[in-house]
């Protein structure tokens, strides 16, 4: 079973994602991006799912910390964002080993993206 860490700024969104992925993956979660990096350095994870809100600085700081550490730099990252934020992310930045999807994507499509990232 693959290990997935869900990081999000909103507890409701974290809980929703836990319900979606809790059957196929071993899921852990945190609402603190700083705590997420510590978790990732101490526990093996196959994928990080980051549900971002409007404050993209939290996402960018998390991404920089994630890729800076040799222990976490190659972990795939799935960023889930509202459509208006998704557009800005896709048009302005490039993140290595990262997929960015809309938060209104269905569970089946989201699972497809995750399975393609995990190979």
Protein backbone atom coordinates (compact mmCIF):
# COMPACT_ATOMS: atom_id res chain seq x y z
CA UNK A 1 0.00 0.00 0.00
CA UNK A 2 1.34 3.42 -0.96
CA UNK A 3 1.82 6.15 1.66
CA UNK A 4 0.28 9.54 0.92
CA UNK A 5 0.64 12.76 2.90
CA UNK A 6 -2.15 15.30 2.50
CA UNK A 7 -1.26 18.90 3.28
CA UNK A 8 -3.91 21.58 3.30
CA UNK A 9 -4.79 24.92 4.77
CA UNK A 10 -8.45 23.95 5.30
CA UNK A 11 -9.39 21.07 7.61
CA UNK A 12 -12.62 20.41 5.67
CA UNK A 13 -10.67 19.91 2.45
CA UNK A 14 -8.16 17.64 4.20
CA UNK A 15 -10.99 15.49 5.55
CA UNK A 16 -12.64 15.32 2.14
CA UNK A 17 -9.38 14.16 0.55
CA UNK A 18 -8.83 11.61 3.32
CA UNK A 19 -12.20 10.07 2.48
CA UNK A 20 -11.35 9.95 -1.22
CA UNK A 21 -7.93 8.34 -0.84
CA UNK A 22 -8.25 6.48 2.46
CA UNK A 23 -9.34 3.22 0.84
CA UNK A 24 -6.54 2.90 -1.72
CA UNK A 25 -3.66 4.48 0.20
CA UNK A 26 -2.28 4.74 3.69
CA UNK A 27 -3.05 8.40 4.38
CA UNK A 28 -1.58 10.84 6.86
CA UNK A 29 -2.43 14.54 6.95
CA UNK A 30 -1.46 17.91 8.36
CA UNK A 31 -2.68 21.47 8.02
CA UNK A 32 0.82 22.87 8.57
CA UNK A 33 3.19 23.01 5.59
CA UNK A 34 6.14 23.34 8.00
CA UNK A 35 5.04 20.22 9.85
CA UNK A 36 4.62 18.41 6.53
CA UNK A 37 8.30 18.79 5.70
CA UNK A 38 9.24 17.33 9.10
CA UNK A 39 6.85 14.41 8.54
CA UNK A 40 8.31 13.77 5.10
CA UNK A 41 11.86 13.75 6.41
CA UNK A 42 11.03 11.23 9.12
CA UNK A 43 8.56 8.93 7.33
CA UNK A 44 8.63 7.38 3.88
CA UNK A 45 5.90 8.73 1.60
CA UNK A 46 5.20 7.93 -2.03
CA UNK A 47 3.19 11.06 -2.82
CA UNK A 48 2.34 14.44 -1.32
CA UNK A 49 -1.05 16.00 -2.05
CA UNK A 50 -1.17 19.74 -1.33
CA UNK A 51 -4.56 21.46 -1.36
CA UNK A 52 -3.77 25.14 -1.72
CA UNK A 53 -5.89 28.09 -0.75
CA UNK A 54 -5.52 31.63 -2.01
CA UNK A 55 -2.18 32.23 -0.23
CA UNK A 56 0.27 30.85 -2.77
CA UNK A 57 3.25 31.89 -0.63
CA UNK A 58 2.49 28.92 1.66
CA UNK A 59 2.60 26.60 -1.35
CA UNK A 60 5.80 28.13 -2.76
CA UNK A 61 7.58 27.98 0.60
CA UNK A 62 6.50 24.37 1.06
CA UNK A 63 7.64 23.47 -2.45
CA UNK A 64 11.04 25.11 -1.90
CA UNK A 65 11.52 23.25 1.40
CA UNK A 66 10.37 19.99 -0.18
CA UNK A 67 12.80 20.20 -3.09
CA UNK A 68 15.68 21.58 -0.97
CA UNK A 69 16.02 18.43 1.17
CA UNK A 70 17.76 15.41 -0.34
CA UNK A 71 15.33 13.17 1.56
CA UNK A 72 12.26 14.73 -0.10
CA UNK A 73 13.39 16.26 -3.38
CA UNK A 74 12.14 13.42 -5.56
CA UNK A 75 8.74 12.83 -3.92
CA UNK A 76 5.94 13.49 -6.43
CA UNK A 77 3.70 16.42 -5.53
CA UNK A 78 0.08 16.83 -6.55
CA UNK A 79 -1.24 20.37 -6.08
CA UNK A 80 -5.01 20.80 -5.95
CA UNK A 81 -6.25 24.35 -6.50
CA UNK A 82 -9.37 26.33 -7.30
CA UNK A 83 -9.75 26.92 -11.07
CA UNK A 84 -8.75 30.60 -10.89
CA UNK A 85 -5.60 29.73 -8.93
CA UNK A 86 -4.90 26.77 -11.19
CA UNK A 87 -4.79 29.08 -14.19
CA UNK A 88 -2.26 31.35 -12.49
CA UNK A 89 -0.10 28.40 -11.43
CA UNK A 90 -0.08 26.83 -14.88
CA UNK A 91 0.70 30.09 -16.66
CA UNK A 92 3.40 31.51 -14.40
CA UNK A 93 5.50 28.79 -12.81
CA UNK A 94 7.04 25.41 -13.46
CA UNK A 95 7.46 22.92 -10.64
CA UNK A 96 9.53 19.75 -11.02
CA UNK A 97 7.89 16.36 -10.44
CA UNK A 98 4.58 18.13 -9.78
CA UNK A 99 1.09 17.95 -11.25
CA UNK A 100 -1.46 20.72 -10.73
CA UNK A 101 -5.17 19.94 -10.98
CA UNK A 102 -8.46 21.73 -10.30
CA UNK A 103 -10.29 21.10 -7.05
CA UNK A 104 -13.49 20.43 -8.99
CA UNK A 105 -12.01 17.38 -10.72
CA UNK A 106 -13.95 14.19 -10.00
CA UNK A 107 -12.61 11.42 -7.80
CA UNK A 108 -12.05 9.07 -10.73
CA UNK A 109 -10.06 11.62 -12.72
CA UNK A 110 -8.08 12.58 -9.62
CA UNK A 111 -7.28 8.91 -8.97
CA UNK A 112 -6.13 8.60 -12.58
CA UNK A 113 -3.69 11.48 -12.15
CA UNK A 114 -2.38 10.00 -8.92
CA UNK A 115 -1.92 6.55 -10.41
CA UNK A 116 -0.01 8.03 -13.36
CA UNK A 117 2.27 9.93 -10.95
CA UNK A 118 2.98 6.80 -8.92
CA UNK A 119 3.75 4.79 -12.04
